[in-house]
Amino acid sequence: MDMTKTMNQTDLGRAIAKWKASPASYRIPKRFQFCKPFWPPVLSKKRAAQKTLLQKKNKKKKKKKKKKKKKIKNKKKREDPPHVCPGCSKDISVIEHLSLQGLTFCRATSGMTLDQWLKVNVPKTTGWRLQIKMASAAAGVFPTRRDRTCTLCSQRMTRATGHSMHRPTRQSFCQVSDPQNRTVEQWLTELRGGKTEKEMLRD
């Protein structure tokens, strides 16, 4: 073991001596490539500048490629033909049509109302969610993704409509359906052990 160690040390020493004598022309052996002082490689200022320039160029090329791909994608989307209803041969985006889970509802050819079609073709929860969305859209209210609808009063679950959620206990509250006729503040103070919001902020 000692013999091999000394041999390796002497070989490395010779390689270092040769490299120091002519660093430009000397070719470093593979077994010493990741040994000091060969690693990390010391680059000259000129070489370092060339490397950074090359990296910048590559970044620009990648960005251009991404932009091109996006443009092609958007162009394809715009050029795509409208989805045609198999029943009446009209565009699906026209009123009295609905496309859901690969199925198409057409009021003219189906011979049933949307509610009846949803009951037959769609799970109950999905149908109920869609009906609430349509009702809110008809009323001119378009809830955002984060806004949830209450299952008890069918209103949006916000503080303004008398709704709240206590995260530590994962309990939700609806002021309209509460049997004790409590407000959101009263319900929260009860859960917090009699502490109001102001007291919580002070602590």
N, C-alpha and C. Protein backbone atom coordinates (compact mmCIF):
# COMPACT_ATOMS: atom_id res chain seq x y z
N MET A 1 0.83 -1.21 0.00
CA MET A 1 0.00 0.00 0.00
C MET A 1 0.86 1.25 0.00
N ASP A 2 1.91 1.25 0.86
CA ASP A 2 2.81 2.41 0.96
C ASP A 2 3.55 2.64 -0.35
N MET A 3 3.92 1.53 -1.00
CA MET A 3 4.66 1.62 -2.26
C MET A 3 3.81 2.29 -3.34
N THR A 4 2.52 1.85 -3.43
CA THR A 4 1.62 2.44 -4.44
C THR A 4 1.37 3.91 -4.14
N LYS A 5 1.27 4.25 -2.84
CA LYS A 5 1.06 5.64 -2.44
C LYS A 5 2.22 6.51 -2.88
N THR A 6 3.41 6.05 -2.56
CA THR A 6 4.62 6.82 -2.91
C THR A 6 4.76 6.96 -4.42
N MET A 7 4.40 5.86 -5.15
CA MET A 7 4.46 5.89 -6.61
C MET A 7 3.52 6.95 -7.18
N ASN A 8 2.27 6.97 -6.62
CA ASN A 8 1.28 7.94 -7.06
C ASN A 8 1.73 9.36 -6.77
N GLN A 9 2.31 9.54 -5.56
CA GLN A 9 2.79 10.86 -5.16
C GLN A 9 3.91 11.35 -6.08
N THR A 10 4.81 10.46 -6.40
CA THR A 10 5.92 10.85 -7.29
C THR A 10 5.42 11.14 -8.69
N ASP A 11 4.45 10.34 -9.17
CA ASP A 11 3.84 10.57 -10.49
C ASP A 11 3.15 11.93 -10.54
N LEU A 12 2.41 12.26 -9.47
CA LEU A 12 1.73 13.55 -9.39
C LEU A 12 2.73 14.69 -9.34
N GLY A 13 3.81 14.45 -8.57
CA GLY A 13 4.87 15.47 -8.48
C GLY A 13 5.50 15.75 -9.83
N ARG A 14 5.77 14.67 -10.58
CA ARG A 14 6.35 14.82 -11.92
C ARG A 14 5.38 15.57 -12.85
N ALA A 15 4.08 15.19 -12.76
CA ALA A 15 3.07 15.84 -13.60
C ALA A 15 2.98 17.33 -13.31
N ILE A 16 3.04 17.68 -12.02
CA ILE A 16 2.99 19.10 -11.61
C ILE A 16 4.20 19.85 -12.14
N ALA A 17 5.38 19.21 -12.03
CA ALA A 17 6.62 19.84 -12.50
C ALA A 17 6.57 20.10 -14.01
N LYS A 18 6.09 19.12 -14.76
CA LYS A 18 5.97 19.26 -16.23
C LYS A 18 4.95 20.35 -16.59
N TRP A 19 3.84 20.36 -15.84
CA TRP A 19 2.78 21.36 -16.10
C TRP A 19 3.26 22.77 -15.83
N LYS A 20 4.07 22.91 -14.74
CA LYS A 20 4.61 24.23 -14.40
C LYS A 20 5.62 24.71 -15.43
N ALA A 21 6.36 23.76 -16.00
CA ALA A 21 7.37 24.10 -17.02
C ALA A 21 6.72 24.63 -18.29
N SER A 22 5.66 23.96 -18.76
CA SER A 22 4.94 24.43 -19.96
C SER A 22 3.44 24.17 -19.80
N PRO A 23 2.73 25.07 -19.11
CA PRO A 23 1.31 24.85 -18.83
C PRO A 23 0.42 24.83 -20.08
N ALA A 24 0.82 25.54 -21.12
CA ALA A 24 -0.01 25.62 -22.33
C ALA A 24 0.05 24.32 -23.14
N SER A 25 1.22 23.74 -23.28
CA SER A 25 1.39 22.56 -24.13
C SER A 25 1.21 21.23 -23.38
N TYR A 26 1.35 21.26 -22.05
CA TYR A 26 1.29 20.00 -21.29
C TYR A 26 -0.15 19.48 -21.20
N ARG A 27 -0.30 18.19 -21.51
CA ARG A 27 -1.61 17.54 -21.42
C ARG A 27 -1.70 16.78 -20.10
N ILE A 28 -2.65 17.17 -19.27
CA ILE A 28 -2.78 16.57 -17.92
C ILE A 28 -3.35 15.16 -18.04
N PRO A 29 -2.72 14.17 -17.38
CA PRO A 29 -3.25 12.80 -17.41
C PRO A 29 -4.64 12.73 -16.78
N LYS A 30 -5.46 11.81 -17.25
CA LYS A 30 -6.86 11.71 -16.80
C LYS A 30 -6.99 11.47 -15.30
N ARG A 31 -6.08 10.66 -14.75
CA ARG A 31 -6.18 10.32 -13.32
C ARG A 31 -5.86 11.50 -12.41
N PHE A 32 -5.19 12.54 -12.96
CA PHE A 32 -4.85 13.72 -12.16
C PHE A 32 -5.68 14.96 -12.52
N GLN A 33 -6.67 14.79 -13.37
CA GLN A 33 -7.46 15.93 -13.85
C GLN A 33 -8.18 16.68 -12.72
N PHE A 34 -8.65 15.92 -11.72
CA PHE A 34 -9.40 16.53 -10.61
C PHE A 34 -8.56 16.66 -9.33
N CYS A 35 -7.25 16.63 -9.49
CA CYS A 35 -6.34 16.82 -8.36
C CYS A 35 -5.82 18.26 -8.36
N LYS A 36 -5.48 18.74 -7.18
CA LYS A 36 -4.85 20.07 -7.09
C LYS A 36 -3.42 19.97 -7.60
N PRO A 37 -2.88 20.94 -8.28
CA PRO A 37 -3.40 22.27 -8.64
C PRO A 37 -4.11 22.30 -10.00
N PHE A 38 -4.39 21.12 -10.60
CA PHE A 38 -5.04 21.11 -11.91
C PHE A 38 -6.53 21.46 -11.83
N TRP A 39 -7.13 21.19 -10.66
CA TRP A 39 -8.56 21.46 -10.48
C TRP A 39 -8.81 22.34 -9.27
N PRO A 40 -9.63 23.38 -9.32
CA PRO A 40 -10.37 23.85 -10.49
C PRO A 40 -9.46 24.51 -11.52
N PRO A 41 -9.77 24.41 -12.82
CA PRO A 41 -8.89 24.97 -13.83
C PRO A 41 -8.83 26.50 -13.76
N VAL A 42 -7.64 27.02 -13.84
CA VAL A 42 -7.44 28.48 -13.79
C VAL A 42 -7.50 29.01 -15.22
N LEU A 43 -8.46 29.87 -15.46
CA LEU A 43 -8.62 30.45 -16.80
C LEU A 43 -7.99 31.83 -16.87
N SER A 44 -7.45 32.13 -18.01
CA SER A 44 -6.90 33.47 -18.22
C SER A 44 -8.05 34.46 -18.38
N LYS A 45 -7.76 35.75 -18.24
CA LYS A 45 -8.81 36.77 -18.33
C LYS A 45 -9.52 36.73 -19.69
N LYS A 46 -8.71 36.50 -20.72
CA LYS A 46 -9.26 36.45 -22.08
C LYS A 46 -10.22 35.26 -22.23
N ARG A 47 -9.78 34.10 -21.72
CA ARG A 47 -10.58 32.87 -21.80
C ARG A 47 -11.86 32.99 -20.98
N ALA A 48 -11.74 33.62 -19.79
CA ALA A 48 -12.91 33.82 -18.92
C ALA A 48 -13.94 34.73 -19.59
N ALA A 49 -13.45 35.79 -20.24
CA ALA A 49 -14.33 36.73 -20.95
C ALA A 49 -15.05 36.03 -22.10
N GLN A 50 -14.30 35.18 -22.82
CA GLN A 50 -14.89 34.42 -23.93
C GLN A 50 -16.00 33.48 -23.44
N LYS A 51 -15.74 32.86 -22.27
CA LYS A 51 -16.69 31.92 -21.68
C LYS A 51 -18.00 32.62 -21.30
N THR A 52 -17.87 33.79 -20.64
CA THR A 52 -19.07 34.55 -20.23
C THR A 52 -19.87 35.02 -21.44
N LEU A 53 -19.15 35.43 -22.48
CA LEU A 53 -19.79 35.88 -23.72
C LEU A 53 -20.58 34.74 -24.37
N LEU A 54 -19.98 33.56 -24.37
CA LEU A 54 -20.62 32.37 -24.94
C LEU A 54 -21.88 31.99 -24.15
N GLN A 55 -21.78 32.10 -22.81
CA GLN A 55 -22.93 31.79 -21.95
C GLN A 55 -24.09 32.74 -22.21
N LYS A 56 -23.76 34.03 -22.38
CA LYS A 56 -24.79 35.04 -22.67
C LYS A 56 -25.48 34.76 -24.01
N LYS A 57 -24.66 34.40 -25.00
CA LYS A 57 -25.20 34.09 -26.33
C LYS A 57 -26.16 32.89 -26.27
N ASN A 58 -25.74 31.86 -25.52
CA ASN A 58 -26.58 30.66 -25.38
C ASN A 58 -27.91 30.98 -24.70
N LYS A 59 -27.85 31.86 -23.67
CA LYS A 59 -29.07 32.27 -22.97
C LYS A 59 -30.03 32.98 -23.91
N LYS A 60 -29.45 33.89 -24.72
CA LYS A 60 -30.27 34.63 -25.68
C LYS A 60 -30.93 33.69 -26.70
N LYS A 61 -30.15 32.71 -27.16
CA LYS A 61 -30.67 31.72 -28.11
C LYS A 61 -31.84 30.95 -27.52
N LYS A 62 -31.68 30.52 -26.25
CA LYS A 62 -32.74 29.76 -25.56
C LYS A 62 -34.01 30.59 -25.43
N LYS A 63 -33.83 31.88 -25.07
CA LYS A 63 -34.98 32.78 -24.92
C LYS A 63 -35.72 32.95 -26.25
N LYS A 64 -34.94 33.13 -27.32
CA LYS A 64 -35.53 33.28 -28.65
C LYS A 64 -36.33 32.05 -29.06
N LYS A 65 -35.75 30.86 -28.77
CA LYS A 65 -36.44 29.60 -29.08
C LYS A 65 -37.77 29.49 -28.33
N LYS A 66 -37.75 29.86 -27.03
CA LYS A 66 -38.96 29.81 -26.21
C LYS A 66 -40.04 30.74 -26.76
N LYS A 67 -39.61 31.97 -27.14
CA LYS A 67 -40.54 32.95 -27.70
C LYS A 67 -41.17 32.45 -29.00
N LYS A 68 -40.32 31.84 -29.84
CA LYS A 68 -40.81 31.29 -31.12
C LYS A 68 -41.86 30.21 -30.88
N LYS A 69 -41.56 29.30 -29.93
CA LYS A 69 -42.48 28.21 -29.60
C LYS A 69 -43.82 28.76 -29.11
N LYS A 70 -43.76 29.80 -28.25
CA LYS A 70 -44.98 30.42 -27.73
C LYS A 70 -45.82 31.03 -28.84
N LYS A 71 -45.13 31.74 -29.76
CA LYS A 71 -45.82 32.37 -30.89
C LYS A 71 -46.53 31.34 -31.76
N ILE A 72 -45.83 30.24 -32.05
CA ILE A 72 -46.41 29.16 -32.86
C ILE A 72 -47.63 28.55 -32.17
N LYS A 73 -47.51 28.35 -30.82
CA LYS A 73 -48.61 27.78 -30.04
C LYS A 73 -49.84 28.68 -30.09
N ASN A 74 -49.61 29.99 -29.86
CA ASN A 74 -50.72 30.95 -29.87
C ASN A 74 -51.37 31.05 -31.25
N LYS A 75 -50.52 30.99 -32.29
CA LYS A 75 -51.03 31.06 -33.66
C LYS A 75 -51.93 29.86 -33.96
N LYS A 76 -51.48 28.68 -33.51
CA LYS A 76 -52.26 27.45 -33.71
C LYS A 76 -53.61 27.55 -33.00
N LYS A 77 -53.58 28.10 -31.78
CA LYS A 77 -54.82 28.25 -31.01
C LYS A 77 -55.82 29.15 -31.75
N ARG A 78 -55.28 30.24 -32.32
CA ARG A 78 -56.14 31.18 -33.04
C ARG A 78 -56.69 30.57 -34.33
N GLU A 79 -55.86 29.76 -34.97
CA GLU A 79 -56.24 29.17 -36.25
C GLU A 79 -57.09 27.91 -36.14
N ASP A 80 -57.15 27.35 -34.91
CA ASP A 80 -57.93 26.11 -34.72
C ASP A 80 -59.40 26.32 -35.10
N PRO A 81 -60.00 25.39 -35.85
CA PRO A 81 -61.40 25.56 -36.25
C PRO A 81 -62.32 25.46 -35.04
N PRO A 82 -63.46 26.17 -35.03
CA PRO A 82 -64.37 26.13 -33.88
C PRO A 82 -64.95 24.72 -33.69
N HIS A 83 -65.19 24.36 -32.44
CA HIS A 83 -65.78 23.04 -32.15
C HIS A 83 -67.24 23.05 -32.58
N VAL A 84 -67.57 22.15 -33.46
CA VAL A 84 -68.93 22.12 -34.03
C VAL A 84 -69.78 21.08 -33.31
N CYS A 85 -71.02 21.45 -33.04
CA CYS A 85 -71.98 20.55 -32.40
C CYS A 85 -72.39 19.46 -33.39
N PRO A 86 -72.32 18.20 -33.00
CA PRO A 86 -72.68 17.11 -33.93
C PRO A 86 -74.17 17.07 -34.27
N GLY A 87 -74.99 17.72 -33.40
CA GLY A 87 -76.44 17.69 -33.61
C GLY A 87 -76.94 18.75 -34.58
N CYS A 88 -76.60 20.04 -34.29
CA CYS A 88 -77.13 21.14 -35.11
C CYS A 88 -76.09 21.79 -36.01
N SER A 89 -74.86 21.30 -35.97
CA SER A 89 -73.73 21.80 -36.79
C SER A 89 -73.39 23.27 -36.53
N LYS A 90 -73.67 23.74 -35.32
CA LYS A 90 -73.30 25.11 -34.93
C LYS A 90 -72.09 25.07 -34.01
N ASP A 91 -71.48 26.23 -33.82
CA ASP A 91 -70.33 26.32 -32.92
C ASP A 91 -70.80 26.08 -31.48
N ILE A 92 -70.02 25.33 -30.70
CA ILE A 92 -70.40 24.98 -29.32
C ILE A 92 -70.47 26.22 -28.42
N SER A 93 -69.68 27.27 -28.76
CA SER A 93 -69.67 28.48 -27.93
C SER A 93 -70.98 29.27 -28.00
N VAL A 94 -71.87 28.89 -28.94
CA VAL A 94 -73.18 29.55 -29.08
C VAL A 94 -74.05 29.19 -27.87
N ILE A 95 -74.99 30.08 -27.52
CA ILE A 95 -75.90 29.85 -26.39
C ILE A 95 -76.70 28.56 -26.62
N GLU A 96 -77.13 27.96 -25.48
CA GLU A 96 -77.88 26.69 -25.46
C GLU A 96 -77.00 25.49 -25.84
N HIS A 97 -75.69 25.64 -25.61
CA HIS A 97 -74.74 24.54 -25.81
C HIS A 97 -73.83 24.44 -24.58
N LEU A 98 -73.38 23.24 -24.30
CA LEU A 98 -72.43 23.04 -23.20
C LEU A 98 -71.54 21.85 -23.53
N SER A 99 -70.23 22.05 -23.40
CA SER A 99 -69.28 20.96 -23.63
C SER A 99 -68.63 20.61 -22.30
N LEU A 100 -68.74 19.35 -21.89
CA LEU A 100 -68.24 18.93 -20.59
C LEU A 100 -67.80 17.47 -20.63
N GLN A 101 -66.56 17.22 -20.21
CA GLN A 101 -66.00 15.86 -20.11
C GLN A 101 -66.19 15.05 -21.40
N GLY A 102 -65.96 15.71 -22.54
CA GLY A 102 -66.07 15.04 -23.84
C GLY A 102 -67.50 14.88 -24.35
N LEU A 103 -68.48 15.35 -23.57
CA LEU A 103 -69.90 15.29 -23.98
C LEU A 103 -70.39 16.67 -24.38
N THR A 104 -71.36 16.72 -25.29
CA THR A 104 -71.90 18.00 -25.76
C THR A 104 -73.41 18.03 -25.56
N PHE A 105 -73.87 19.13 -24.91
CA PHE A 105 -75.31 19.32 -24.71
C PHE A 105 -75.81 20.33 -25.74
N CYS A 106 -76.87 19.97 -26.45
CA CYS A 106 -77.50 20.85 -27.44
C CYS A 106 -78.99 20.91 -27.13
N ARG A 107 -79.49 22.09 -26.83
CA ARG A 107 -80.91 22.25 -26.44
C ARG A 107 -81.84 21.86 -27.59
N ALA A 108 -81.41 22.15 -28.82
CA ALA A 108 -82.28 21.91 -29.99
C ALA A 108 -82.47 20.42 -30.28
N THR A 109 -81.40 19.63 -30.13
CA THR A 109 -81.47 18.21 -30.53
C THR A 109 -81.62 17.23 -29.38
N SER A 110 -81.27 17.64 -28.15
CA SER A 110 -81.30 16.69 -27.02
C SER A 110 -82.71 16.38 -26.54
N GLY A 111 -83.63 17.33 -26.70
CA GLY A 111 -85.02 17.13 -26.28
C GLY A 111 -85.20 17.15 -24.78
N MET A 112 -84.28 17.77 -24.04
CA MET A 112 -84.38 17.91 -22.59
C MET A 112 -83.72 19.21 -22.14
N THR A 113 -84.03 19.61 -20.93
CA THR A 113 -83.43 20.83 -20.38
C THR A 113 -82.01 20.54 -19.90
N LEU A 114 -81.27 21.58 -19.61
CA LEU A 114 -79.88 21.41 -19.15
C LEU A 114 -79.83 20.67 -17.81
N ASP A 115 -80.78 21.01 -16.90
CA ASP A 115 -80.84 20.33 -15.59
C ASP A 115 -81.04 18.82 -15.75
N GLN A 116 -81.93 18.44 -16.65
CA GLN A 116 -82.19 17.01 -16.89
C GLN A 116 -80.97 16.32 -17.49
N TRP A 117 -80.31 17.01 -18.43
CA TRP A 117 -79.12 16.45 -19.08
C TRP A 117 -77.98 16.27 -18.08
N LEU A 118 -77.82 17.24 -17.19
CA LEU A 118 -76.78 17.16 -16.17
C LEU A 118 -77.03 15.99 -15.22
N LYS A 119 -78.29 15.78 -14.85
CA LYS A 119 -78.64 14.67 -13.95
C LYS A 119 -78.29 13.31 -14.56
N VAL A 120 -78.47 13.19 -15.86
CA VAL A 120 -78.22 11.92 -16.56
C VAL A 120 -76.73 11.70 -16.81
N ASN A 121 -76.03 12.73 -17.29
CA ASN A 121 -74.65 12.57 -17.79
C ASN A 121 -73.53 12.97 -16.83
N VAL A 122 -73.84 13.74 -15.81
CA VAL A 122 -72.79 14.29 -14.95
C VAL A 122 -73.01 13.88 -13.50
N PRO A 123 -71.93 13.64 -12.70
CA PRO A 123 -72.10 13.34 -11.28
C PRO A 123 -72.82 14.47 -10.54
N LYS A 124 -73.48 14.14 -9.45
CA LYS A 124 -74.32 15.11 -8.72
C LYS A 124 -73.55 16.35 -8.28
N THR A 125 -72.36 16.14 -7.72
CA THR A 125 -71.57 17.27 -7.20
C THR A 125 -71.15 18.23 -8.32
N THR A 126 -70.73 17.66 -9.46
CA THR A 126 -70.31 18.48 -10.60
C THR A 126 -71.49 19.26 -11.16
N GLY A 127 -72.65 18.58 -11.27
CA GLY A 127 -73.87 19.22 -11.78
C GLY A 127 -74.31 20.36 -10.89
N TRP A 128 -74.25 20.12 -9.57
CA TRP A 128 -74.65 21.15 -8.59
C TRP A 128 -73.73 22.35 -8.68
N ARG A 129 -72.42 22.10 -8.80
CA ARG A 129 -71.43 23.17 -8.91
C ARG A 129 -71.67 24.02 -10.16
N LEU A 130 -71.98 23.34 -11.26
CA LEU A 130 -72.24 24.04 -12.53
C LEU A 130 -73.51 24.90 -12.45
N GLN A 131 -74.55 24.36 -11.82
CA GLN A 131 -75.80 25.10 -11.68
C GLN A 131 -75.61 26.39 -10.88
N ILE A 132 -74.81 26.31 -9.81
CA ILE A 132 -74.53 27.49 -8.99
C ILE A 132 -73.73 28.52 -9.79
N LYS A 133 -72.75 28.02 -10.55
CA LYS A 133 -71.95 28.92 -11.40
C LYS A 133 -72.81 29.64 -12.42
N MET A 134 -73.73 28.89 -13.05
CA MET A 134 -74.62 29.46 -14.06
C MET A 134 -75.58 30.47 -13.45
N ALA A 135 -76.08 30.15 -12.26
CA ALA A 135 -77.01 31.05 -11.58
C ALA A 135 -76.32 32.36 -11.21
N SER A 136 -75.08 32.26 -10.71
CA SER A 136 -74.31 33.46 -10.35
C SER A 136 -73.94 34.27 -11.58
N ALA A 137 -73.65 33.57 -12.70
CA ALA A 137 -73.34 34.26 -13.96
C ALA A 137 -74.56 34.99 -14.49
N ALA A 138 -75.75 34.37 -14.35
CA ALA A 138 -77.00 35.00 -14.79
C ALA A 138 -77.30 36.24 -13.96
N ALA A 139 -76.90 36.20 -12.67
CA ALA A 139 -77.11 37.35 -11.78
C ALA A 139 -76.03 38.43 -11.97
N GLY A 140 -75.02 38.12 -12.78
CA GLY A 140 -73.95 39.09 -13.05
C GLY A 140 -72.80 39.01 -12.07
N VAL A 141 -72.74 37.92 -11.29
CA VAL A 141 -71.65 37.72 -10.32
C VAL A 141 -70.74 36.62 -10.84
N PHE A 142 -69.47 36.94 -10.98
CA PHE A 142 -68.50 35.96 -11.47
C PHE A 142 -67.45 35.72 -10.38
N PRO A 143 -67.64 34.69 -9.54
CA PRO A 143 -66.69 34.44 -8.45
C PRO A 143 -65.33 34.01 -8.97
N THR A 144 -64.30 34.44 -8.27
CA THR A 144 -62.94 34.06 -8.64
C THR A 144 -62.67 32.63 -8.21
N ARG A 145 -61.51 32.09 -8.58
CA ARG A 145 -61.18 30.69 -8.26
C ARG A 145 -61.15 30.45 -6.76
N ARG A 146 -60.66 31.42 -6.00
CA ARG A 146 -60.49 31.23 -4.56
C ARG A 146 -61.82 31.27 -3.81
N ASP A 147 -62.82 31.97 -4.38
CA ASP A 147 -64.11 32.08 -3.71
C ASP A 147 -64.84 30.75 -3.75
N ARG A 148 -65.25 30.29 -2.57
CA ARG A 148 -66.00 29.03 -2.48
C ARG A 148 -67.46 29.33 -2.19
N THR A 149 -68.32 28.42 -2.59
CA THR A 149 -69.76 28.58 -2.37
C THR A 149 -70.20 27.73 -1.19
N CYS A 150 -71.02 28.32 -0.33
CA CYS A 150 -71.52 27.62 0.86
C CYS A 150 -72.59 26.61 0.45
N THR A 151 -72.51 25.42 0.99
CA THR A 151 -73.47 24.35 0.66
C THR A 151 -74.81 24.56 1.36
N LEU A 152 -74.83 25.40 2.42
CA LEU A 152 -76.05 25.61 3.20
C LEU A 152 -76.92 26.75 2.65
N CYS A 153 -76.27 27.87 2.26
CA CYS A 153 -77.05 29.03 1.79
C CYS A 153 -76.78 29.39 0.33
N SER A 154 -75.87 28.67 -0.33
CA SER A 154 -75.50 28.88 -1.75
C SER A 154 -74.94 30.27 -2.04
N GLN A 155 -74.35 30.90 -1.01
CA GLN A 155 -73.68 32.20 -1.20
C GLN A 155 -72.17 32.01 -1.18
N ARG A 156 -71.46 33.04 -1.63
CA ARG A 156 -69.99 32.96 -1.61
C ARG A 156 -69.49 33.02 -0.17
N MET A 157 -68.50 32.18 0.14
CA MET A 157 -67.98 32.10 1.50
C MET A 157 -66.97 33.21 1.77
N THR A 158 -67.50 34.40 2.08
CA THR A 158 -66.66 35.55 2.43
C THR A 158 -67.16 36.15 3.74
N ARG A 159 -66.35 37.00 4.36
CA ARG A 159 -66.75 37.63 5.63
C ARG A 159 -67.96 38.54 5.42
N ALA A 160 -68.04 39.17 4.25
CA ALA A 160 -69.15 40.09 3.96
C ALA A 160 -70.50 39.38 3.94
N THR A 161 -70.51 38.11 3.50
CA THR A 161 -71.77 37.34 3.45
C THR A 161 -72.01 36.54 4.74
N GLY A 162 -71.18 36.76 5.76
CA GLY A 162 -71.34 36.11 7.05
C GLY A 162 -70.79 34.70 7.11
N HIS A 163 -69.62 34.50 6.50
CA HIS A 163 -68.96 33.19 6.50
C HIS A 163 -67.54 33.32 7.02
N SER A 164 -67.07 32.27 7.63
CA SER A 164 -65.68 32.24 8.10
C SER A 164 -65.23 30.80 8.30
N MET A 165 -63.90 30.65 8.45
CA MET A 165 -63.34 29.32 8.69
C MET A 165 -62.24 29.42 9.74
N HIS A 166 -62.32 28.55 10.74
CA HIS A 166 -61.30 28.51 11.80
C HIS A 166 -60.29 27.43 11.43
N ARG A 167 -59.11 27.87 10.98
CA ARG A 167 -58.12 26.93 10.43
C ARG A 167 -57.59 25.90 11.43
N PRO A 168 -57.25 26.30 12.68
CA PRO A 168 -56.72 25.28 13.62
C PRO A 168 -57.66 24.09 13.84
N THR A 169 -58.98 24.38 13.92
CA THR A 169 -59.95 23.29 14.14
C THR A 169 -60.63 22.83 12.86
N ARG A 170 -60.36 23.55 11.75
CA ARG A 170 -60.94 23.24 10.43
C ARG A 170 -62.47 23.24 10.46
N GLN A 171 -63.03 24.22 11.19
CA GLN A 171 -64.49 24.37 11.27
C GLN A 171 -64.92 25.56 10.42
N SER A 172 -66.02 25.40 9.70
CA SER A 172 -66.56 26.51 8.90
C SER A 172 -67.86 27.02 9.52
N PHE A 173 -68.17 28.30 9.28
CA PHE A 173 -69.33 28.93 9.90
C PHE A 173 -70.17 29.66 8.86
N CYS A 174 -71.49 29.49 8.95
CA CYS A 174 -72.45 30.19 8.09
C CYS A 174 -73.44 30.92 8.98
N GLN A 175 -73.46 32.24 8.89
CA GLN A 175 -74.30 33.08 9.75
C GLN A 175 -75.79 32.87 9.49
N VAL A 176 -76.15 32.63 8.23
CA VAL A 176 -77.56 32.47 7.84
C VAL A 176 -78.15 31.20 8.46
N SER A 177 -77.40 30.10 8.42
CA SER A 177 -77.91 28.81 8.90
C SER A 177 -77.55 28.51 10.36
N ASP A 178 -76.96 29.47 11.08
CA ASP A 178 -76.57 29.23 12.48
C ASP A 178 -77.81 29.21 13.37
N PRO A 179 -78.04 28.14 14.15
CA PRO A 179 -79.24 28.05 15.00
C PRO A 179 -79.24 29.06 16.16
N GLN A 180 -78.05 29.50 16.60
CA GLN A 180 -77.95 30.45 17.72
C GLN A 180 -77.94 31.91 17.27
N ASN A 181 -78.04 32.15 15.95
CA ASN A 181 -78.04 33.50 15.36
C ASN A 181 -76.83 34.33 15.77
N ARG A 182 -75.66 33.69 15.77
CA ARG A 182 -74.42 34.39 16.13
C ARG A 182 -73.82 35.08 14.91
N THR A 183 -73.02 36.10 15.18
CA THR A 183 -72.26 36.75 14.11
C THR A 183 -70.93 36.02 13.95
N VAL A 184 -70.18 36.35 12.92
CA VAL A 184 -68.87 35.72 12.68
C VAL A 184 -67.93 36.01 13.84
N GLU A 185 -67.96 37.28 14.33
CA GLU A 185 -67.07 37.70 15.43
C GLU A 185 -67.36 36.91 16.71
N GLN A 186 -68.67 36.75 17.01
CA GLN A 186 -69.07 36.00 18.22
C GLN A 186 -68.63 34.54 18.14
N TRP A 187 -68.80 33.95 16.97
CA TRP A 187 -68.41 32.54 16.76
C TRP A 187 -66.91 32.36 16.92
N LEU A 188 -66.14 33.29 16.36
CA LEU A 188 -64.68 33.21 16.45
C LEU A 188 -64.18 33.42 17.87
N THR A 189 -64.80 34.36 18.61
CA THR A 189 -64.39 34.60 20.00
C THR A 189 -64.65 33.38 20.88
N GLU A 190 -65.75 32.67 20.60
CA GLU A 190 -66.05 31.43 21.34
C GLU A 190 -64.98 30.38 21.10
N LEU A 191 -64.58 30.22 19.84
CA LEU A 191 -63.55 29.22 19.50
C LEU A 191 -62.19 29.60 20.06
N ARG A 192 -61.91 30.89 20.16
CA ARG A 192 -60.61 31.36 20.68
C ARG A 192 -60.57 31.42 22.21
N GLY A 193 -61.63 30.97 22.84
CA GLY A 193 -61.67 30.95 24.31
C GLY A 193 -62.00 32.30 24.90
N GLY A 194 -62.89 33.04 24.24
CA GLY A 194 -63.34 34.35 24.73
C GLY A 194 -62.48 35.52 24.31
N LYS A 195 -61.51 35.29 23.47
CA LYS A 195 -60.61 36.36 23.00
C LYS A 195 -61.13 36.96 21.70
N THR A 196 -61.22 38.29 21.67
CA THR A 196 -61.65 38.98 20.44
C THR A 196 -60.46 39.15 19.50
N GLU A 197 -60.76 39.65 18.30
CA GLU A 197 -59.70 39.85 17.30
C GLU A 197 -58.68 40.88 17.77
N LYS A 198 -59.18 41.95 18.40
CA LYS A 198 -58.29 43.01 18.89
C LYS A 198 -57.34 42.49 19.96
N GLU A 199 -57.87 41.67 20.87
CA GLU A 199 -57.05 41.07 21.93
C GLU A 199 -56.00 40.12 21.36
N MET A 200 -56.39 39.40 20.31
CA MET A 200 -55.45 38.48 19.65
C MET A 200 -54.30 39.25 19.01
N LEU A 201 -54.62 40.39 18.40
CA LEU A 201 -53.60 41.22 17.75
C LEU A 201 -52.65 41.83 18.78
N ARG A 202 -53.18 42.20 19.95
CA ARG A 202 -52.34 42.76 21.02
C ARG A 202 -51.32 41.73 21.52
N ASP A 203 -51.79 40.49 21.68
CA ASP A 203 -50.92 39.40 22.17
C ASP A 203 -49.84 39.08 21.15
